[in-house]
C-alpha atoms as a PDB file:
ATOM      1  CA  MET A   1      13.727   1.978  31.197  1.00  0.00           C
ATOM      2  CA  ASP A   2      10.033   2.660  30.442  1.00  0.00           C
ATOM      3  CA  TYR A   3      10.829   5.412  28.170  1.00  0.00           C
ATOM      4  CA  LEU A   4      12.550   2.365  26.128  1.00  0.00           C
ATOM      5  CA  ARG A   5       9.461   0.233  26.330  1.00  0.00           C
ATOM      6  CA  HIS A   6       7.474   2.533  24.878  1.00  0.00           C
ATOM      7  CA  LYS A   7       9.472   3.041  22.674  1.00  0.00           C
ATOM      8  CA  SER A   8      10.228  -0.145  21.232  1.00  0.00           C
ATOM      9  CA  ARG A   9       6.299  -0.784  21.607  1.00  0.00           C
ATOM     10  CA  TYR A  10       5.943   2.427  18.838  1.00  0.00           C
ATOM     11  CA  LEU A  11       8.641   1.073  17.028  1.00  0.00           C
ATOM     12  CA  LYS A  12       7.080  -2.624  16.376  1.00  0.00           C
ATOM     13  CA  LYS A  13       3.955  -0.932  15.608  1.00  0.00           C
ATOM     14  CA  LEU A  14       5.294   1.534  13.132  1.00  0.00           C
ATOM     15  CA  VAL A  15       6.955  -2.184  11.610  1.00  0.00           C
ATOM     16  CA  ALA A  16       3.459  -3.542  11.269  1.00  0.00           C
ATOM     17  CA  MET A  17       2.323  -0.407   9.024  1.00  0.00           C
ATOM     18  CA  THR A  18       5.183   0.033   7.283  1.00  0.00           C
ATOM     19  CA  GLY A  19       5.359  -4.073   6.238  1.00  0.00           C
ATOM     20  CA  GLY A  20       1.429  -4.058   5.675  1.00  0.00           C
ATOM     21  CA  PHE A  21       1.999  -1.515   3.450  1.00  0.00           C
ATOM     22  CA  LEU A  22       4.182  -2.757   1.581  1.00  0.00           C
ATOM     23  CA  ILE A  23       2.955  -5.976   1.327  1.00  0.00           C
ATOM     24  CA  LEU A  24      -0.315  -4.827  -0.808  1.00  0.00           C
ATOM     25  CA  ALA A  25       1.523  -2.269  -2.881  1.00  0.00           C
ATOM     26  CA  GLY A  26       4.049  -5.228  -3.397  1.00  0.00           C
ATOM     27  CA  MET A  27       0.767  -7.360  -4.461  1.00  0.00           C
ATOM     28  CA  ILE A  28      -0.904  -4.828  -6.558  1.00  0.00           C
ATOM     29  CA  LEU A  29       1.929  -4.148  -8.579  1.00  0.00           C
ATOM     30  CA  LEU A  30       2.510  -8.075  -9.333  1.00  0.00           C
ATOM     31  CA  GLY A  31      -1.078  -8.001  -9.855  1.00  0.00           C
ATOM     32  CA  ILE A  32      -0.533  -4.942 -12.591  1.00  0.00           C
ATOM     33  CA  ALA A  33       2.569  -6.453 -14.016  1.00  0.00           C
ATOM     34  CA  ALA A  34       1.204 -10.147 -14.687  1.00  0.00           C
ATOM     35  CA  LEU A  35      -2.200  -8.279 -16.146  1.00  0.00           C
ATOM     36  CA  ALA A  36       0.497  -6.615 -18.449  1.00  0.00           C
ATOM     37  CA  LEU A  37       2.268  -9.144 -19.712  1.00  0.00           C
ATOM     38  CA  SER A  38      -0.249 -11.747 -20.601  1.00  0.00           C
ATOM     39  CA  GLY A  39      -1.996  -9.210 -22.472  1.00  0.00           C
ATOM     40  CA  TYR A  40      -5.397  -8.370 -20.228  1.00  0.00           C
ATOM     41  CA  LEU A  41      -4.104  -4.653 -19.305  1.00  0.00           C
ATOM     42  CA  ASN A  42      -2.764  -1.828 -22.142  1.00  0.00           C
ATOM     43  CA  VAL A  43      -0.389   0.078 -19.240  1.00  0.00           C
ATOM     44  CA  GLY A  44      -0.107   3.125 -21.236  1.00  0.00           C
ATOM     45  CA  ILE A  45      -3.763   3.770 -21.384  1.00  0.00           C
ATOM     46  CA  MET A  46      -3.304   4.493 -17.591  1.00  0.00           C
ATOM     47  CA  LEU A  47      -0.945   7.233 -18.536  1.00  0.00           C
ATOM     48  CA  GLU A  48      -3.608   9.132 -20.390  1.00  0.00           C
ATOM     49  CA  ASN A  49      -4.189  12.378 -19.324  1.00  0.00           C
ATOM     50  CA  LYS A  50      -8.266  11.503 -18.887  1.00  0.00           C
ATOM     51  CA  TYR A  51      -7.430   8.344 -16.468  1.00  0.00           C
ATOM     52  CA  LEU A  52      -4.308   9.731 -15.010  1.00  0.00           C
ATOM     53  CA  LEU A  53      -6.257  11.184 -11.885  1.00  0.00           C
ATOM     54  CA  THR A  54      -8.382   8.260 -11.761  1.00  0.00           C
ATOM     55  CA  PHE A  55      -4.906   6.358 -11.456  1.00  0.00           C
ATOM     56  CA  ALA A  56      -3.734   8.681  -8.927  1.00  0.00           C
ATOM     57  CA  VAL A  57      -6.578   8.797  -6.687  1.00  0.00           C
ATOM     58  CA  VAL A  58      -7.313   5.132  -6.691  1.00  0.00           C
ATOM     59  CA  MET A  59      -3.720   4.086  -5.807  1.00  0.00           C
ATOM     60  CA  THR A  60      -3.808   6.973  -3.332  1.00  0.00           C
ATOM     61  CA  ALA A  61      -7.308   5.001  -1.500  1.00  0.00           C
ATOM     62  CA  VAL A  62      -5.865   1.735  -1.580  1.00  0.00           C
ATOM     63  CA  GLY A  63      -2.822   3.361   0.145  1.00  0.00           C
ATOM     64  CA  LEU A  64      -4.921   4.863   2.584  1.00  0.00           C
ATOM     65  CA  LEU A  65      -7.250   1.613   3.501  1.00  0.00           C
ATOM     66  CA  ASP A  66      -4.081  -0.392   3.884  1.00  0.00           C
ATOM     67  CA  ILE A  67      -2.330   2.337   6.623  1.00  0.00           C
ATOM     68  CA  PHE A  68      -5.551   2.116   8.319  1.00  0.00           C
ATOM     69  CA  ALA A  69      -6.123  -1.559   7.925  1.00  0.00           C
ATOM     70  CA  ALA A  70      -2.518  -1.695   9.524  1.00  0.00           C
ATOM     71  CA  VAL A  71      -3.054   1.107  12.392  1.00  0.00           C
ATOM     72  CA  ILE A  72      -6.150  -1.788  13.161  1.00  0.00           C
ATOM     73  CA  ILE A  73      -3.852  -4.675  13.186  1.00  0.00           C
ATOM     74  CA  ALA A  74      -1.284  -2.764  15.343  1.00  0.00           C
ATOM     75  CA  ARG A  75      -3.456  -1.574  18.026  1.00  0.00           C
ATOM     76  CA  TRP A  76      -5.036  -5.113  18.206  1.00  0.00           C
END
C-alpha cells in the first residue's frame, strides 16, 4: 500500500512537470504563429544556417527553464 502512495505521488509530480512544459511550449508556439501571421516575424529567417543554432539553443534553454520551474512547483 505504501508503494502505491509513493507511486501516485511521483505520477502527480510527473504530470505537473509535463503539463507545465506543454503549456509553456504551446504559448510560445502560439505567439510565434501570431507574429508570423501578422507579418512581424519572418519564420524563414530562423531556418538559415547562421540563425539555426541560436534558435535551437534558445528553444532548448526555454524548455530546460520550464522543466526547472515545474520541478520547483512539484516539490512545493
